[in-house]
Amino acid sequence: MKRSIASLLKCVFSVMVVLVFVVGVSGCQKQEGSMEKAGKKADEAVETAKGALEKAEKKVSEGAEATKEAMKKAEKKVEEGAEVAKSAVKKGAEDTVKAVKNTAEKVEEKAKK
């Protein structure tokens, strides 16, 4: 009987030691203080800002590409307009030359009369 009580006490003592250890370890878990919380908030803010900057960079790149394409189209239109103007000036100059020649011929004819 003494052995069984001693054996029981050993088991109970072992269980109590394990329970004390488990309670002690669970009580030692790290709890976040105000600095840790502030650090996490700062990390979240940095990540949010990083994401916003990446989106802004993408939008700026898209805008720059769209502007580049618009400039190419505008350049083409200007070149086409310049060609039209060049043709119009050339035709105007040719017409002026013809008109001057006609006038000169008429003046010569009247001078001969």
PDB file of N, CA and C in Angstrom:
ATOM      1  N   MET A   1       0.809  -1.171   0.000  1.00  0.00           N
ATOM      2  CA  MET A   1       0.000   0.000   0.000  1.00  0.00           C
ATOM      3  C   MET A   1       0.864   1.251   0.000  1.00  0.00           C
ATOM      4  N   LYS A   2       1.957   1.172   0.766  1.00  0.00           N
ATOM      5  CA  LYS A   2       2.845   2.304   0.797  1.00  0.00           C
ATOM      6  C   LYS A   2       3.409   2.568  -0.593  1.00  0.00           C
ATOM      7  N   ARG A   3       3.635   1.515  -1.288  1.00  0.00           N
ATOM      8  CA  ARG A   3       4.179   1.666  -2.621  1.00  0.00           C
ATOM      9  C   ARG A   3       3.149   2.287  -3.543  1.00  0.00           C
ATOM     10  N   SER A   4       1.940   1.908  -3.450  1.00  0.00           N
ATOM     11  CA  SER A   4       0.937   2.463  -4.336  1.00  0.00           C
ATOM     12  C   SER A   4       0.673   3.933  -4.012  1.00  0.00           C
ATOM     13  N   ILE A   5       0.703   4.314  -2.740  1.00  0.00           N
ATOM     14  CA  ILE A   5       0.523   5.712  -2.387  1.00  0.00           C
ATOM     15  C   ILE A   5       1.743   6.500  -2.856  1.00  0.00           C
ATOM     16  N   ALA A   6       2.912   5.968  -2.680  1.00  0.00           N
ATOM     17  CA  ALA A   6       4.126   6.633  -3.129  1.00  0.00           C
ATOM     18  C   ALA A   6       4.126   6.750  -4.645  1.00  0.00           C
ATOM     19  N   SER A   7       3.684   5.698  -5.280  1.00  0.00           N
ATOM     20  CA  SER A   7       3.609   5.702  -6.736  1.00  0.00           C
ATOM     21  C   SER A   7       2.580   6.730  -7.207  1.00  0.00           C
ATOM     22  N   LEU A   8       1.454   6.797  -6.539  1.00  0.00           N
ATOM     23  CA  LEU A   8       0.411   7.759  -6.880  1.00  0.00           C
ATOM     24  C   LEU A   8       0.916   9.187  -6.659  1.00  0.00           C
ATOM     25  N   LEU A   9       1.601   9.408  -5.558  1.00  0.00           N
ATOM     26  CA  LEU A   9       2.134  10.729  -5.269  1.00  0.00           C
ATOM     27  C   LEU A   9       3.177  11.135  -6.316  1.00  0.00           C
ATOM     28  N   LYS A  10       3.977  10.187  -6.749  1.00  0.00           N
ATOM     29  CA  LYS A  10       4.959  10.481  -7.792  1.00  0.00           C
ATOM     30  C   LYS A  10       4.257  10.888  -9.090  1.00  0.00           C
ATOM     31  N   CYS A  11       3.198  10.177  -9.431  1.00  0.00           N
ATOM     32  CA  CYS A  11       2.449  10.514 -10.649  1.00  0.00           C
ATOM     33  C   CYS A  11       1.803  11.889 -10.514  1.00  0.00           C
ATOM     34  N   VAL A  12       1.179  12.139  -9.370  1.00  0.00           N
ATOM     35  CA  VAL A  12       0.526  13.418  -9.150  1.00  0.00           C
ATOM     36  C   VAL A  12       1.579  14.524  -9.165  1.00  0.00           C
ATOM     37  N   PHE A  13       2.710  14.292  -8.511  1.00  0.00           N
ATOM     38  CA  PHE A  13       3.779  15.286  -8.492  1.00  0.00           C
ATOM     39  C   PHE A  13       4.297  15.534  -9.904  1.00  0.00           C
ATOM     40  N   SER A  14       4.461  14.483 -10.709  1.00  0.00           N
ATOM     41  CA  SER A  14       4.931  14.634 -12.091  1.00  0.00           C
ATOM     42  C   SER A  14       3.928  15.437 -12.908  1.00  0.00           C
ATOM     43  N   VAL A  15       2.653  15.142 -12.738  1.00  0.00           N
ATOM     44  CA  VAL A  15       1.611  15.868 -13.471  1.00  0.00           C
ATOM     45  C   VAL A  15       1.617  17.334 -13.041  1.00  0.00           C
ATOM     46  N   MET A  16       1.789  17.591 -11.766  1.00  0.00           N
ATOM     47  CA  MET A  16       1.808  18.968 -11.280  1.00  0.00           C
ATOM     48  C   MET A  16       3.017  19.724 -11.839  1.00  0.00           C
ATOM     49  N   VAL A  17       4.150  19.069 -11.903  1.00  0.00           N
ATOM     50  CA  VAL A  17       5.341  19.707 -12.464  1.00  0.00           C
ATOM     51  C   VAL A  17       5.101  20.055 -13.928  1.00  0.00           C
ATOM     52  N   VAL A  18       4.527  19.122 -14.663  1.00  0.00           N
ATOM     53  CA  VAL A  18       4.236  19.373 -16.079  1.00  0.00           C
ATOM     54  C   VAL A  18       3.236  20.512 -16.209  1.00  0.00           C
ATOM     55  N   LEU A  19       2.199  20.515 -15.388  1.00  0.00           N
ATOM     56  CA  LEU A  19       1.199  21.586 -15.446  1.00  0.00           C
ATOM     57  C   LEU A  19       1.815  22.940 -15.098  1.00  0.00           C
ATOM     58  N   VAL A  20       2.654  22.981 -14.094  1.00  0.00           N
ATOM     59  CA  VAL A  20       3.321  24.227 -13.731  1.00  0.00           C
ATOM     60  C   VAL A  20       4.205  24.695 -14.887  1.00  0.00           C
ATOM     61  N   PHE A  21       4.902  23.770 -15.496  1.00  0.00           N
ATOM     62  CA  PHE A  21       5.757  24.126 -16.641  1.00  0.00           C
ATOM     63  C   PHE A  21       4.920  24.674 -17.792  1.00  0.00           C
ATOM     64  N   VAL A  22       3.807  24.003 -18.133  1.00  0.00           N
ATOM     65  CA  VAL A  22       2.936  24.447 -19.222  1.00  0.00           C
ATOM     66  C   VAL A  22       2.353  25.814 -18.913  1.00  0.00           C
ATOM     67  N   VAL A  23       1.881  26.027 -17.714  1.00  0.00           N
ATOM     68  CA  VAL A  23       1.320  27.318 -17.332  1.00  0.00           C
ATOM     69  C   VAL A  23       2.406  28.388 -17.359  1.00  0.00           C
ATOM     70  N   GLY A  24       3.576  28.041 -16.882  1.00  0.00           N
ATOM     71  CA  GLY A  24       4.686  28.996 -16.895  1.00  0.00           C
ATOM     72  C   GLY A  24       5.085  29.389 -18.301  1.00  0.00           C
ATOM     73  N   VAL A  25       5.174  28.421 -19.188  1.00  0.00           N
ATOM     74  CA  VAL A  25       5.559  28.711 -20.575  1.00  0.00           C
ATOM     75  C   VAL A  25       4.474  29.516 -21.273  1.00  0.00           C
ATOM     76  N   SER A  26       3.221  29.160 -21.048  1.00  0.00           N
ATOM     77  CA  SER A  26       2.145  29.907 -21.710  1.00  0.00           C
ATOM     78  C   SER A  26       2.064  31.333 -21.168  1.00  0.00           C
ATOM     79  N   GLY A  27       2.443  31.544 -19.936  1.00  0.00           N
ATOM     80  CA  GLY A  27       2.453  32.885 -19.362  1.00  0.00           C
ATOM     81  C   GLY A  27       3.614  33.715 -19.883  1.00  0.00           C
ATOM     82  N   CYS A  28       4.612  33.076 -20.435  1.00  0.00           N
ATOM     83  CA  CYS A  28       5.788  33.794 -20.934  1.00  0.00           C
ATOM     84  C   CYS A  28       5.662  34.177 -22.406  1.00  0.00           C
ATOM     85  N   GLN A  29       4.516  33.900 -22.970  1.00  0.00           N
ATOM     86  CA  GLN A  29       4.358  34.272 -24.374  1.00  0.00           C
ATOM     87  C   GLN A  29       4.508  35.774 -24.506  1.00  0.00           C
ATOM     88  N   LYS A  30       5.163  36.145 -25.579  1.00  0.00           N
ATOM     89  CA  LYS A  30       5.457  37.565 -25.816  1.00  0.00           C
ATOM     90  C   LYS A  30       4.173  38.307 -26.175  1.00  0.00           C
ATOM     91  N   GLN A  31       3.900  39.342 -25.428  1.00  0.00           N
ATOM     92  CA  GLN A  31       2.764  40.186 -25.735  1.00  0.00           C
ATOM     93  C   GLN A  31       3.275  41.456 -26.391  1.00  0.00           C
ATOM     94  N   GLU A  32       2.501  41.934 -27.351  1.00  0.00           N
ATOM     95  CA  GLU A  32       2.922  43.129 -28.075  1.00  0.00           C
ATOM     96  C   GLU A  32       2.730  44.370 -27.221  1.00  0.00           C
ATOM     97  N   GLY A  33       3.769  45.164 -27.173  1.00  0.00           N
ATOM     98  CA  GLY A  33       3.672  46.442 -26.492  1.00  0.00           C
ATOM     99  C   GLY A  33       3.326  47.528 -27.487  1.00  0.00           C
ATOM    100  N   SER A  34       3.302  48.741 -27.024  1.00  0.00           N
ATOM    101  CA  SER A  34       2.920  49.858 -27.896  1.00  0.00           C
ATOM    102  C   SER A  34       3.934  50.070 -29.008  1.00  0.00           C
ATOM    103  N   MET A  35       5.212  49.828 -28.747  1.00  0.00           N
ATOM    104  CA  MET A  35       6.237  50.005 -29.788  1.00  0.00           C
ATOM    105  C   MET A  35       6.084  48.955 -30.885  1.00  0.00           C
ATOM    106  N   GLU A  36       5.802  47.712 -30.486  1.00  0.00           N
ATOM    107  CA  GLU A  36       5.599  46.663 -31.489  1.00  0.00           C
ATOM    108  C   GLU A  36       4.378  46.968 -32.355  1.00  0.00           C
ATOM    109  N   LYS A  37       3.321  47.428 -31.706  1.00  0.00           N
ATOM    110  CA  LYS A  37       2.106  47.784 -32.455  1.00  0.00           C
ATOM    111  C   LYS A  37       2.383  48.945 -33.411  1.00  0.00           C
ATOM    112  N   ALA A  38       3.115  49.945 -32.921  1.00  0.00           N
ATOM    113  CA  ALA A  38       3.449  51.098 -33.765  1.00  0.00           C
ATOM    114  C   ALA A  38       4.332  50.647 -34.929  1.00  0.00           C
ATOM    115  N   GLY A  39       5.254  49.729 -34.664  1.00  0.00           N
ATOM    116  CA  GLY A  39       6.114  49.205 -35.729  1.00  0.00           C
ATOM    117  C   GLY A  39       5.314  48.484 -36.790  1.00  0.00           C
ATOM    118  N   LYS A  40       4.345  47.683 -36.352  1.00  0.00           N
ATOM    119  CA  LYS A  40       3.492  46.980 -37.323  1.00  0.00           C
ATOM    120  C   LYS A  40       2.677  47.973 -38.151  1.00  0.00           C
ATOM    121  N   LYS A  41       2.154  48.999 -37.496  1.00  0.00           N
ATOM    122  CA  LYS A  41       1.382  50.023 -38.221  1.00  0.00           C
ATOM    123  C   LYS A  41       2.273  50.739 -39.229  1.00  0.00           C
ATOM    124  N   ALA A  42       3.508  51.023 -38.820  1.00  0.00           N
ATOM    125  CA  ALA A  42       4.440  51.692 -39.740  1.00  0.00           C
ATOM    126  C   ALA A  42       4.747  50.775 -40.932  1.00  0.00           C
ATOM    127  N   ASP A  43       4.945  49.491 -40.664  1.00  0.00           N
ATOM    128  CA  ASP A  43       5.201  48.540 -41.752  1.00  0.00           C
ATOM    129  C   ASP A  43       4.022  48.480 -42.720  1.00  0.00           C
ATOM    130  N   GLU A  44       2.810  48.457 -42.142  1.00  0.00           N
ATOM    131  CA  GLU A  44       1.619  48.434 -42.991  1.00  0.00           C
ATOM    132  C   GLU A  44       1.525  49.704 -43.835  1.00  0.00           C
ATOM    133  N   ALA A  45       1.837  50.847 -43.223  1.00  0.00           N
ATOM    134  CA  ALA A  45       1.783  52.113 -43.953  1.00  0.00           C
ATOM    135  C   ALA A  45       2.807  52.141 -45.074  1.00  0.00           C
ATOM    136  N   VAL A  46       3.998  51.608 -44.797  1.00  0.00           N
ATOM    137  CA  VAL A  46       5.039  51.560 -45.833  1.00  0.00           C
ATOM    138  C   VAL A  46       4.595  50.669 -46.983  1.00  0.00           C
ATOM    139  N   GLU A  47       4.018  49.522 -46.667  1.00  0.00           N
ATOM    140  CA  GLU A  47       3.545  48.608 -47.714  1.00  0.00           C
ATOM    141  C   GLU A  47       2.426  49.245 -48.534  1.00  0.00           C
ATOM    142  N   THR A  48       1.519  49.940 -47.853  1.00  0.00           N
ATOM    143  CA  THR A  48       0.426  50.621 -48.563  1.00  0.00           C
ATOM    144  C   THR A  48       0.982  51.700 -49.472  1.00  0.00           C
ATOM    145  N   ALA A  49       1.931  52.483 -48.950  1.00  0.00           N
ATOM    146  CA  ALA A  49       2.539  53.546 -49.762  1.00  0.00           C
ATOM    147  C   ALA A  49       3.301  52.953 -50.938  1.00  0.00           C
ATOM    148  N   LYS A  50       3.978  51.851 -50.700  1.00  0.00           N
ATOM    149  CA  LYS A  50       4.725  51.189 -51.775  1.00  0.00           C
ATOM    150  C   LYS A  50       3.776  50.751 -52.885  1.00  0.00           C
ATOM    151  N   GLY A  51       2.650  50.167 -52.488  1.00  0.00           N
ATOM    152  CA  GLY A  51       1.656  49.751 -53.484  1.00  0.00           C
ATOM    153  C   GLY A  51       1.103  50.940 -54.249  1.00  0.00           C
ATOM    154  N   ALA A  52       0.832  52.026 -53.551  1.00  0.00           N
ATOM    155  CA  ALA A  52       0.305  53.226 -54.210  1.00  0.00           C
ATOM    156  C   ALA A  52       1.335  53.797 -55.179  1.00  0.00           C
ATOM    157  N   LEU A  53       2.600  53.791 -54.771  1.00  0.00           N
ATOM    158  CA  LEU A  53       3.653  54.297 -55.656  1.00  0.00           C
ATOM    159  C   LEU A  53       3.803  53.427 -56.899  1.00  0.00           C
ATOM    160  N   GLU A  54       3.695  52.125 -56.720  1.00  0.00           N
ATOM    161  CA  GLU A  54       3.785  51.225 -57.879  1.00  0.00           C
ATOM    162  C   GLU A  54       2.632  51.478 -58.845  1.00  0.00           C
ATOM    163  N   LYS A  55       1.430  51.688 -58.299  1.00  0.00           N
ATOM    164  CA  LYS A  55       0.283  51.986 -59.155  1.00  0.00           C
ATOM    165  C   LYS A  55       0.482  53.318 -59.870  1.00  0.00           C
ATOM    166  N   ALA A  56       0.979  54.314 -59.132  1.00  0.00           N
ATOM    167  CA  ALA A  56       1.212  55.632 -59.730  1.00  0.00           C
ATOM    168  C   ALA A  56       2.267  55.539 -60.821  1.00  0.00           C
ATOM    169  N   GLU A  57       3.308  54.768 -60.579  1.00  0.00           N
ATOM    170  CA  GLU A  57       4.358  54.595 -61.587  1.00  0.00           C
ATOM    171  C   GLU A  57       3.786  53.971 -62.853  1.00  0.00           C
ATOM    172  N   LYS A  58       2.922  52.986 -62.666  1.00  0.00           N
ATOM    173  CA  LYS A  58       2.295  52.330 -63.815  1.00  0.00           C
ATOM    174  C   LYS A  58       1.434  53.328 -64.588  1.00  0.00           C
ATOM    175  N   LYS A  59       0.655  54.133 -63.864  1.00  0.00           N
ATOM    176  CA  LYS A  59      -0.207  55.125 -64.517  1.00  0.00           C
ATOM    177  C   LYS A  59       0.625  56.164 -65.262  1.00  0.00           C
ATOM    178  N   VAL A  60       1.721  56.603 -64.647  1.00  0.00           N
ATOM    179  CA  VAL A  60       2.584  57.590 -65.301  1.00  0.00           C
ATOM    180  C   VAL A  60       3.187  56.996 -66.571  1.00  0.00           C
ATOM    181  N   SER A  61       3.618  55.734 -66.487  1.00  0.00           N
ATOM    182  CA  SER A  61       4.181  55.077 -67.672  1.00  0.00           C
ATOM    183  C   SER A  61       3.136  54.951 -68.776  1.00  0.00           C
ATOM    184  N   GLU A  62       1.919  54.575 -68.384  1.00  0.00           N
ATOM    185  CA  GLU A  62       0.839  54.467 -69.372  1.00  0.00           C
ATOM    186  C   GLU A  62       0.544  55.837 -69.980  1.00  0.00           C
ATOM    187  N   GLY A  63       0.522  56.867 -69.142  1.00  0.00           N
ATOM    188  CA  GLY A  63       0.273  58.220 -69.632  1.00  0.00           C
ATOM    189  C   GLY A  63       1.371  58.690 -70.568  1.00  0.00           C
ATOM    190  N   ALA A  64       2.602  58.378 -70.216  1.00  0.00           N
ATOM    191  CA  ALA A  64       3.728  58.764 -71.069  1.00  0.00           C
ATOM    192  C   ALA A  64       3.647  58.052 -72.415  1.00  0.00           C
ATOM    193  N   GLU A  65       3.279  56.790 -72.391  1.00  0.00           N
ATOM    194  CA  GLU A  65       3.160  56.029 -73.639  1.00  0.00           C
ATOM    195  C   GLU A  65       2.020  56.585 -74.499  1.00  0.00           C
ATOM    196  N   ALA A  66       0.901  56.922 -73.857  1.00  0.00           N
ATOM    197  CA  ALA A  66      -0.223  57.507 -74.592  1.00  0.00           C
ATOM    198  C   ALA A  66       0.170  58.856 -75.189  1.00  0.00           C
ATOM    199  N   THR A  67       0.907  59.657 -74.430  1.00  0.00           N
ATOM    200  CA  THR A  67       1.371  60.956 -74.928  1.00  0.00           C
ATOM    201  C   THR A  67       2.315  60.768 -76.108  1.00  0.00           C
ATOM    202  N   LYS A  68       3.184  59.789 -76.001  1.00  0.00           N
ATOM    203  CA  LYS A  68       4.128  59.493 -77.086  1.00  0.00           C
ATOM    204  C   LYS A  68       3.373  59.123 -78.370  1.00  0.00           C
ATOM    205  N   GLU A  69       2.356  58.279 -78.229  1.00  0.00           N
ATOM    206  CA  GLU A  69       1.553  57.882 -79.389  1.00  0.00           C
ATOM    207  C   GLU A  69       0.797  59.078 -79.964  1.00  0.00           C
ATOM    208  N   ALA A  70       0.256  59.910 -79.084  1.00  0.00           N
ATOM    209  CA  ALA A  70      -0.471  61.101 -79.544  1.00  0.00           C
ATOM    210  C   ALA A  70       0.471  62.049 -80.277  1.00  0.00           C
ATOM    211  N   MET A  71       1.694  62.174 -79.788  1.00  0.00           N
ATOM    212  CA  MET A  71       2.677  63.047 -80.444  1.00  0.00           C
ATOM    213  C   MET A  71       3.045  62.501 -81.827  1.00  0.00           C
ATOM    214  N   LYS A  72       3.156  61.187 -81.941  1.00  0.00           N
ATOM    215  CA  LYS A  72       3.454  60.593 -83.252  1.00  0.00           C
ATOM    216  C   LYS A  72       2.327  60.891 -84.236  1.00  0.00           C
ATOM    217  N   LYS A  73       1.085  60.740 -83.765  1.00  0.00           N
ATOM    218  CA  LYS A  73      -0.065  61.022 -84.633  1.00  0.00           C
ATOM    219  C   LYS A  73      -0.097  62.500 -85.011  1.00  0.00           C
ATOM    220  N   ALA A  74       0.164  63.365 -84.037  1.00  0.00           N
ATOM    221  CA  ALA A  74       0.159  64.807 -84.306  1.00  0.00           C
ATOM    222  C   ALA A  74       1.273  65.159 -85.296  1.00  0.00           C
ATOM    223  N   GLU A  75       2.423  64.540 -85.134  1.00  0.00           N
ATOM    224  CA  GLU A  75       3.537  64.793 -86.058  1.00  0.00           C
ATOM    225  C   GLU A  75       3.151  64.390 -87.482  1.00  0.00           C
ATOM    226  N   LYS A  76       2.490  63.255 -87.602  1.00  0.00           N
ATOM    227  CA  LYS A  76       2.054  62.799 -88.927  1.00  0.00           C
ATOM    228  C   LYS A  76       1.059  63.780 -89.539  1.00  0.00           C
ATOM    229  N   LYS A  77       0.118  64.265 -88.722  1.00  0.00           N
ATOM    230  CA  LYS A  77      -0.877  65.228 -89.218  1.00  0.00           C
ATOM    231  C   LYS A  77      -0.200  66.538 -89.634  1.00  0.00           C
ATOM    232  N   VAL A  78       0.775  66.979 -88.846  1.00  0.00           N
ATOM    233  CA  VAL A  78       1.487  68.216 -89.190  1.00  0.00           C
ATOM    234  C   VAL A  78       2.226  68.031 -90.512  1.00  0.00           C
ATOM    235  N   GLU A  79       2.876  66.878 -90.671  1.00  0.00           N
ATOM    236  CA  GLU A  79       3.595  66.617 -91.922  1.00  0.00           C
ATOM    237  C   GLU A  79       2.627  66.604 -93.111  1.00  0.00           C
ATOM    238  N   GLU A  80       1.463  65.974 -92.923  1.00  0.00           N
ATOM    239  CA  GLU A  80       0.459  65.952 -93.994  1.00  0.00           C
ATOM    240  C   GLU A  80      -0.015  67.371 -94.297  1.00  0.00           C
ATOM    241  N   GLY A  81      -0.261  68.166 -93.255  1.00  0.00           N
ATOM    242  CA  GLY A  81      -0.696  69.544 -93.442  1.00  0.00           C
ATOM    243  C   GLY A  81       0.369  70.369 -94.146  1.00  0.00           C
ATOM    244  N   ALA A  82       1.624  70.122 -93.811  1.00  0.00           N
ATOM    245  CA  ALA A  82       2.723  70.845 -94.460  1.00  0.00           C
ATOM    246  C   ALA A  82       2.785  70.500 -95.947  1.00  0.00           C
ATOM    247  N   GLU A  83       2.563  69.238 -96.262  1.00  0.00           N
ATOM    248  CA  GLU A  83       2.565  68.832 -97.675  1.00  0.00           C
ATOM    249  C   GLU A  83       1.423  69.506 -98.434  1.00  0.00           C
ATOM    250  N   VAL A  84       0.243  69.557 -97.805  1.00  0.00           N
ATOM    251  CA  VAL A  84      -0.903  70.217 -98.444  1.00  0.00           C
ATOM    252  C   VAL A  84      -0.593  71.697 -98.653  1.00  0.00           C
ATOM    253  N   ALA A  85      -0.028  72.339 -97.615  1.00  0.00           N
ATOM    254  CA  ALA A  85       0.311  73.757 -97.726  1.00  0.00           C
ATOM    255  C   ALA A  85       1.370  73.976 -98.798  1.00  0.00           C
ATOM    256  N   LYS A  86       2.339  73.105 -98.868  1.00  0.00           N
ATOM    257  CA  LYS A  86       3.405  73.204 -99.873  1.00  0.00           C
ATOM    258  C   LYS A  86       2.820  73.107-101.277  1.00  0.00           C
ATOM    259  N   SER A  87       1.915  72.148-101.461  1.00  0.00           N
ATOM    260  CA  SER A  87       1.265  71.993-102.765  1.00  0.00           C
ATOM    261  C   SER A  87       0.441  73.221-103.115  1.00  0.00           C
ATOM    262  N   ALA A  88      -0.282  73.754-102.111  1.00  0.00           N
ATOM    263  CA  ALA A  88      -1.114  74.934-102.359  1.00  0.00           C
ATOM    264  C   ALA A  88      -0.257  76.142-102.714  1.00  0.00           C
ATOM    265  N   VAL A  89       0.860  76.333-102.017  1.00  0.00           N
ATOM    266  CA  VAL A  89       1.748  77.456-102.307  1.00  0.00           C
ATOM    267  C   VAL A  89       2.344  77.293-103.702  1.00  0.00           C
ATOM    268  N   LYS A  90       2.754  76.070-104.035  1.00  0.00           N
ATOM    269  CA  LYS A  90       3.330  75.813-105.352  1.00  0.00           C
ATOM    270  C   LYS A  90       2.310  76.115-106.448  1.00  0.00           C
ATOM    271  N   LYS A  91       1.068  75.640-106.266  1.00  0.00           N
ATOM    272  CA  LYS A  91       0.026  75.895-107.270  1.00  0.00           C
ATOM    273  C   LYS A  91      -0.269  77.393-107.356  1.00  0.00           C
ATOM    274  N   GLY A  92      -0.308  78.042-106.194  1.00  0.00           N
ATOM    275  CA  GLY A  92      -0.544  79.492-106.184  1.00  0.00           C
ATOM    276  C   GLY A  92       0.561  80.230-106.930  1.00  0.00           C
ATOM    277  N   ALA A  93       1.796  79.808-106.724  1.00  0.00           N
ATOM    278  CA  ALA A  93       2.922  80.452-107.426  1.00  0.00           C
ATOM    279  C   ALA A  93       2.822  80.203-108.931  1.00  0.00           C
ATOM    280  N   GLU A  94       2.467  78.985-109.322  1.00  0.00           N
ATOM    281  CA  GLU A  94       2.322  78.671-110.753  1.00  0.00           C
ATOM    282  C   GLU A  94       1.197  79.491-111.370  1.00  0.00           C
ATOM    283  N   ASP A  95       0.074  79.589-110.651  1.00  0.00           N
ATOM    284  CA  ASP A  95      -1.045  80.386-111.150  1.00  0.00           C
ATOM    285  C   ASP A  95      -0.660  81.861-111.275  1.00  0.00           C
ATOM    286  N   THR A  96       0.127  82.344-110.313  1.00  0.00           N
ATOM    287  CA  THR A  96       0.575  83.739-110.362  1.00  0.00           C
ATOM    288  C   THR A  96       1.478  83.968-111.564  1.00  0.00           C
ATOM    289  N   VAL A  97       2.363  83.019-111.805  1.00  0.00           N
ATOM    290  CA  VAL A  97       3.261  83.133-112.966  1.00  0.00           C
ATOM    291  C   VAL A  97       2.436  83.168-114.248  1.00  0.00           C
ATOM    292  N   LYS A  98       1.442  82.298-114.364  1.00  0.00           N
ATOM    293  CA  LYS A  98       0.584  82.282-115.564  1.00  0.00           C
ATOM    294  C   LYS A  98      -0.156  83.609-115.713  1.00  0.00           C
ATOM    295  N   ALA A  99      -0.686  84.114-114.602  1.00  0.00           N
ATOM    296  CA  ALA A  99      -1.434  85.368-114.649  1.00  0.00           C
ATOM    297  C   ALA A  99      -0.522  86.519-115.058  1.00  0.00           C
ATOM    298  N   VAL A 100       0.680  86.535-114.557  1.00  0.00           N
ATOM    299  CA  VAL A 100       1.622  87.601-114.922  1.00  0.00           C
ATOM    300  C   VAL A 100       1.969  87.491-116.400  1.00  0.00           C
ATOM    301  N   LYS A 101       2.190  86.262-116.883  1.00  0.00           N
ATOM    302  CA  LYS A 101       2.499  86.076-118.305  1.00  0.00           C
ATOM    303  C   LYS A 101       1.335  86.537-119.167  1.00  0.00           C
ATOM    304  N   ASN A 102       0.115  86.150-118.780  1.00  0.00           N
ATOM    305  CA  ASN A 102      -1.067  86.579-119.535  1.00  0.00           C
ATOM    306  C   ASN A 102      -1.181  88.094-119.561  1.00  0.00           C
ATOM    307  N   THR A 103      -0.964  88.701-118.414  1.00  0.00           N
ATOM    308  CA  THR A 103      -1.038  90.162-118.341  1.00  0.00           C
ATOM    309  C   THR A 103       0.048  90.789-119.201  1.00  0.00           C
ATOM    310  N   ALA A 104       1.230  90.220-119.168  1.00  0.00           N
ATOM    311  CA  ALA A 104       2.339  90.743-119.972  1.00  0.00           C
ATOM    312  C   ALA A 104       2.017  90.617-121.460  1.00  0.00           C
ATOM    313  N   GLU A 105       1.436  89.496-121.843  1.00  0.00           N
ATOM    314  CA  GLU A 105       1.065  89.301-123.256  1.00  0.00           C
ATOM    315  C   GLU A 105       0.007  90.327-123.672  1.00  0.00           C
ATOM    316  N   LYS A 106      -0.978  90.556-122.814  1.00  0.00           N
ATOM    317  CA  LYS A 106      -2.025  91.526-123.134  1.00  0.00           C
ATOM    318  C   LYS A 106      -1.435  92.927-123.235  1.00  0.00           C
ATOM    319  N   VAL A 107      -0.516  93.246-122.359  1.00  0.00           N
ATOM    320  CA  VAL A 107       0.104  94.571-122.414  1.00  0.00           C
ATOM    321  C   VAL A 107       0.898  94.710-123.702  1.00  0.00           C
ATOM    322  N   GLU A 108       1.587  93.663-124.106  1.00  0.00           N
ATOM    323  CA  GLU A 108       2.354  93.700-125.345  1.00  0.00           C
ATOM    324  C   GLU A 108       1.430  93.872-126.549  1.00  0.00           C
ATOM    325  N   GLU A 109       0.312  93.144-126.543  1.00  0.00           N
ATOM    326  CA  GLU A 109      -0.644  93.254-127.641  1.00  0.00           C
ATOM    327  C   GLU A 109      -1.203  94.677-127.720  1.00  0.00           C
ATOM    328  N   LYS A 110      -1.520  95.255-126.612  1.00  0.00           N
ATOM    329  CA  LYS A 110      -2.045  96.619-126.634  1.00  0.00           C
ATOM    330  C   LYS A 110      -0.989  97.613-127.027  1.00  0.00           C
ATOM    331  N   ALA A 111       0.260  97.296-126.636  1.00  0.00           N
ATOM    332  CA  ALA A 111       1.343  98.195-126.998  1.00  0.00           C
ATOM    333  C   ALA A 111       1.582  98.144-128.505  1.00  0.00           C
ATOM    334  N   LYS A 112       1.370  97.013-129.129  1.00  0.00           N
ATOM    335  CA  LYS A 112       1.551  96.866-130.567  1.00  0.00           C
ATOM    336  C   LYS A 112       0.457  97.587-131.321  1.00  0.00           C
ATOM    337  N   LYS A 113      -0.689  97.775-130.802  1.00  0.00           N
ATOM    338  CA  LYS A 113      -1.804  98.403-131.490  1.00  0.00           C
ATOM    339  C   LYS A 113      -1.671  99.841-131.508  1.00  0.00           C
TER     340      LYS A 113
END
